[in-house]
């Protein structure tokens, strides 16, 4: 669903030669968004030809997806999360960027980010809202 939102935020560009994933359905509602996300390196899937279209998304994955959508901006900030050591190495830059730019407002409780938990729709909505405010 996050791929579909970001695809639409990008103007729903036409898709040609969509990448093949073994776990997607060619005519599914998400196919253009999945193809766009993969072609633009916003979401790469898991490798081995799978996208994970029906898999829950973790909080660190959602933040990384938004960070990639934003162009993977460099950030030298640090985070002071009590659970910072549990954030995957591939998500570290994205989480630092999101934290420094207020995108995680309302998602951090007791200095814990809880990176491996499934992200809630309300958290994604909050992240997108904060991101759009940040862009103005």
C-alpha atoms as a PDB file:
ATOM      1  CA  UNK A   1       0.000   0.000   0.000  1.00  0.00           C
ATOM      2  CA  UNK A   2       2.869   2.376   0.750  1.00  0.00           C
ATOM      3  CA  UNK A   3       4.221   1.800  -2.760  1.00  0.00           C
ATOM      4  CA  UNK A   4       0.806   2.752  -4.159  1.00  0.00           C
ATOM      5  CA  UNK A   5       0.646   5.964  -2.116  1.00  0.00           C
ATOM      6  CA  UNK A   6       4.137   7.059  -3.148  1.00  0.00           C
ATOM      7  CA  UNK A   7       3.455   6.111  -6.774  1.00  0.00           C
ATOM      8  CA  UNK A   8       0.375   8.318  -6.744  1.00  0.00           C
ATOM      9  CA  UNK A   9       2.281  11.136  -5.019  1.00  0.00           C
ATOM     10  CA  UNK A  10       4.671  10.932  -7.984  1.00  0.00           C
ATOM     11  CA  UNK A  11       1.846  11.468 -10.456  1.00  0.00           C
ATOM     12  CA  UNK A  12       1.250   7.794 -11.381  1.00  0.00           C
ATOM     13  CA  UNK A  13       3.711   7.755 -14.292  1.00  0.00           C
ATOM     14  CA  UNK A  14       3.200   5.253 -17.103  1.00  0.00           C
ATOM     15  CA  UNK A  15       4.937   1.928 -16.577  1.00  0.00           C
ATOM     16  CA  UNK A  16       6.680   0.025 -19.346  1.00  0.00           C
ATOM     17  CA  UNK A  17       8.478  -3.299 -19.033  1.00  0.00           C
ATOM     18  CA  UNK A  18       7.549  -4.004 -15.416  1.00  0.00           C
ATOM     19  CA  UNK A  19      10.012  -6.148 -13.493  1.00  0.00           C
ATOM     20  CA  UNK A  20       8.925  -9.727 -12.870  1.00  0.00           C
ATOM     21  CA  UNK A  21       8.319 -10.791  -9.293  1.00  0.00           C
ATOM     22  CA  UNK A  22       7.185 -14.308  -8.470  1.00  0.00           C
ATOM     23  CA  UNK A  23       4.750 -13.107  -5.789  1.00  0.00           C
ATOM     24  CA  UNK A  24       2.866 -10.450  -7.772  1.00  0.00           C
ATOM     25  CA  UNK A  25      -0.142 -10.736 -10.053  1.00  0.00           C
ATOM     26  CA  UNK A  26       0.195  -8.940 -13.386  1.00  0.00           C
ATOM     27  CA  UNK A  27      -3.251  -7.286 -13.394  1.00  0.00           C
ATOM     28  CA  UNK A  28      -3.433  -6.588  -9.640  1.00  0.00           C
ATOM     29  CA  UNK A  29      -4.301  -3.113  -8.339  1.00  0.00           C
ATOM     30  CA  UNK A  30      -0.768  -2.683  -6.990  1.00  0.00           C
ATOM     31  CA  UNK A  31       1.215  -3.789 -10.057  1.00  0.00           C
ATOM     32  CA  UNK A  32       1.997  -0.350 -11.508  1.00  0.00           C
ATOM     33  CA  UNK A  33       3.017   0.921  -8.065  1.00  0.00           C
ATOM     34  CA  UNK A  34       5.213  -2.121  -7.401  1.00  0.00           C
ATOM     35  CA  UNK A  35       6.836  -1.759 -10.827  1.00  0.00           C
ATOM     36  CA  UNK A  36       7.415   1.964 -10.305  1.00  0.00           C
ATOM     37  CA  UNK A  37       8.846   1.423  -6.810  1.00  0.00           C
ATOM     38  CA  UNK A  38      11.240  -1.270  -8.028  1.00  0.00           C
ATOM     39  CA  UNK A  39      12.374   0.677 -11.108  1.00  0.00           C
ATOM     40  CA  UNK A  40      13.011   3.796  -9.010  1.00  0.00           C
ATOM     41  CA  UNK A  41      14.819   1.917  -6.219  1.00  0.00           C
ATOM     42  CA  UNK A  42      12.223   2.995  -3.678  1.00  0.00           C
ATOM     43  CA  UNK A  43      11.447  -0.615  -2.757  1.00  0.00           C
ATOM     44  CA  UNK A  44      13.652  -3.403  -4.011  1.00  0.00           C
ATOM     45  CA  UNK A  45      11.913  -6.453  -2.598  1.00  0.00           C
ATOM     46  CA  UNK A  46      13.774  -9.294  -0.959  1.00  0.00           C
ATOM     47  CA  UNK A  47      15.867 -10.550  -3.835  1.00  0.00           C
ATOM     48  CA  UNK A  48      15.451 -13.883  -5.536  1.00  0.00           C
ATOM     49  CA  UNK A  49      12.556 -12.454  -7.532  1.00  0.00           C
ATOM     50  CA  UNK A  50      10.214 -11.745  -4.616  1.00  0.00           C
ATOM     51  CA  UNK A  51       8.713  -8.401  -3.715  1.00  0.00           C
ATOM     52  CA  UNK A  52       6.877  -9.340  -0.529  1.00  0.00           C
ATOM     53  CA  UNK A  53       3.609  -7.827  -1.697  1.00  0.00           C
ATOM     54  CA  UNK A  54       1.570  -9.500   1.058  1.00  0.00           C
ATOM     55  CA  UNK A  55       4.159  -9.223   3.818  1.00  0.00           C
ATOM     56  CA  UNK A  56       3.731  -6.839   6.743  1.00  0.00           C
ATOM     57  CA  UNK A  57       6.083  -3.859   6.651  1.00  0.00           C
ATOM     58  CA  UNK A  58       8.254  -3.064   9.642  1.00  0.00           C
ATOM     59  CA  UNK A  59       8.725   0.417  10.981  1.00  0.00           C
ATOM     60  CA  UNK A  60      12.352   0.505   9.805  1.00  0.00           C
ATOM     61  CA  UNK A  61      11.305  -0.683   6.340  1.00  0.00           C
ATOM     62  CA  UNK A  62       8.625   2.022   6.071  1.00  0.00           C
ATOM     63  CA  UNK A  63      11.071   4.737   7.121  1.00  0.00           C
ATOM     64  CA  UNK A  64      13.654   3.445   4.637  1.00  0.00           C
ATOM     65  CA  UNK A  65      11.091   3.411   1.833  1.00  0.00           C
ATOM     66  CA  UNK A  66      10.179   7.040   2.522  1.00  0.00           C
ATOM     67  CA  UNK A  67      13.873   7.987   2.787  1.00  0.00           C
ATOM     68  CA  UNK A  68      14.564   6.404  -0.600  1.00  0.00           C
ATOM     69  CA  UNK A  69      11.535   8.189  -2.060  1.00  0.00           C
ATOM     70  CA  UNK A  70      13.037  11.451  -0.756  1.00  0.00           C
ATOM     71  CA  UNK A  71      16.243  10.695  -2.666  1.00  0.00           C
ATOM     72  CA  UNK A  72      18.226   9.062   0.166  1.00  0.00           C
ATOM     73  CA  UNK A  73      19.395  12.388   1.619  1.00  0.00           C
ATOM     74  CA  UNK A  74      22.639  12.347   3.554  1.00  0.00           C
ATOM     75  CA  UNK A  75      22.385  12.911   7.259  1.00  0.00           C
ATOM     76  CA  UNK A  76      25.107  12.979   9.888  1.00  0.00           C
ATOM     77  CA  UNK A  77      22.700  13.260  12.823  1.00  0.00           C
ATOM     78  CA  UNK A  78      22.570  10.634  15.539  1.00  0.00           C
ATOM     79  CA  UNK A  79      19.584   9.192  17.325  1.00  0.00           C
ATOM     80  CA  UNK A  80      19.272   8.732  21.038  1.00  0.00           C
ATOM     81  CA  UNK A  81      16.781   5.877  20.916  1.00  0.00           C
ATOM     82  CA  UNK A  82      17.147   3.355  23.706  1.00  0.00           C
ATOM     83  CA  UNK A  83      16.777   0.608  21.086  1.00  0.00           C
ATOM     84  CA  UNK A  84      19.047   2.169  18.430  1.00  0.00           C
ATOM     85  CA  UNK A  85      21.221  -0.940  18.498  1.00  0.00           C
ATOM     86  CA  UNK A  86      18.336  -3.016  17.128  1.00  0.00           C
ATOM     87  CA  UNK A  87      17.904  -0.905  13.988  1.00  0.00           C
ATOM     88  CA  UNK A  88      19.238  -2.819  10.985  1.00  0.00           C
ATOM     89  CA  UNK A  89      22.416  -1.433   9.421  1.00  0.00           C
ATOM     90  CA  UNK A  90      20.619  -0.826   6.095  1.00  0.00           C
ATOM     91  CA  UNK A  91      18.023   1.351   7.878  1.00  0.00           C
ATOM     92  CA  UNK A  92      20.353   3.433  10.075  1.00  0.00           C
ATOM     93  CA  UNK A  93      20.719   6.415   7.715  1.00  0.00           C
ATOM     94  CA  UNK A  94      17.000   6.470   6.974  1.00  0.00           C
ATOM     95  CA  UNK A  95      16.009   6.417  10.638  1.00  0.00           C
ATOM     96  CA  UNK A  96      18.517   9.167  11.493  1.00  0.00           C
ATOM     97  CA  UNK A  97      17.148  11.289   8.630  1.00  0.00           C
ATOM     98  CA  UNK A  98      13.530  10.700   9.657  1.00  0.00           C
ATOM     99  CA  UNK A  99      14.254  11.467  13.298  1.00  0.00           C
ATOM    100  CA  UNK A 100      16.213  14.640  12.496  1.00  0.00           C
ATOM    101  CA  UNK A 101      13.408  15.906  10.233  1.00  0.00           C
ATOM    102  CA  UNK A 102      10.503  15.272  12.596  1.00  0.00           C
ATOM    103  CA  UNK A 103       9.070  12.481  10.475  1.00  0.00           C
ATOM    104  CA  UNK A 104       8.950  10.158  13.485  1.00  0.00           C
ATOM    105  CA  UNK A 105       6.955  12.596  15.620  1.00  0.00           C
ATOM    106  CA  UNK A 106       4.470  10.563  17.597  1.00  0.00           C
ATOM    107  CA  UNK A 107       6.118   7.241  16.753  1.00  0.00           C
ATOM    108  CA  UNK A 108       8.764   7.206  19.465  1.00  0.00           C
ATOM    109  CA  UNK A 109       7.568   6.269  22.923  1.00  0.00           C
ATOM    110  CA  UNK A 110       9.888   6.235  25.945  1.00  0.00           C
ATOM    111  CA  UNK A 111      12.852   6.827  23.615  1.00  0.00           C
ATOM    112  CA  UNK A 112      12.110   3.571  21.786  1.00  0.00           C
ATOM    113  CA  UNK A 113      11.615   3.382  18.019  1.00  0.00           C
ATOM    114  CA  UNK A 114      10.758  -0.349  17.944  1.00  0.00           C
ATOM    115  CA  UNK A 115      12.178  -0.858  14.431  1.00  0.00           C
ATOM    116  CA  UNK A 116      11.141  -4.491  13.924  1.00  0.00           C
ATOM    117  CA  UNK A 117       7.453  -3.973  14.815  1.00  0.00           C
ATOM    118  CA  UNK A 118       4.910  -3.906  12.001  1.00  0.00           C
ATOM    119  CA  UNK A 119       4.118  -0.340  11.056  1.00  0.00           C
ATOM    120  CA  UNK A 120       0.511   0.722  11.560  1.00  0.00           C
ATOM    121  CA  UNK A 121      -1.454   2.573   8.904  1.00  0.00           C
ATOM    122  CA  UNK A 122      -1.832   5.495  11.279  1.00  0.00           C
ATOM    123  CA  UNK A 123       1.957   5.648  11.676  1.00  0.00           C
ATOM    124  CA  UNK A 124       2.439   5.659   7.902  1.00  0.00           C
ATOM    125  CA  UNK A 125      -0.152   8.425   7.610  1.00  0.00           C
ATOM    126  CA  UNK A 126       1.690  10.415  10.278  1.00  0.00           C
ATOM    127  CA  UNK A 127       5.056   9.863   8.567  1.00  0.00           C
ATOM    128  CA  UNK A 128       3.667  10.999   5.218  1.00  0.00           C
ATOM    129  CA  UNK A 129       2.039  14.042   6.794  1.00  0.00           C
ATOM    130  CA  UNK A 130       5.276  15.031   8.570  1.00  0.00           C
ATOM    131  CA  UNK A 131       7.251  14.432   5.373  1.00  0.00           C
ATOM    132  CA  UNK A 132       4.925  16.639   3.339  1.00  0.00           C
ATOM    133  CA  UNK A 133       5.102  19.404   5.956  1.00  0.00           C
ATOM    134  CA  UNK A 134       8.901  19.100   5.924  1.00  0.00           C
ATOM    135  CA  UNK A 135       8.931  19.532   2.129  1.00  0.00           C
ATOM    136  CA  UNK A 136       7.131  22.907   2.235  1.00  0.00           C
END
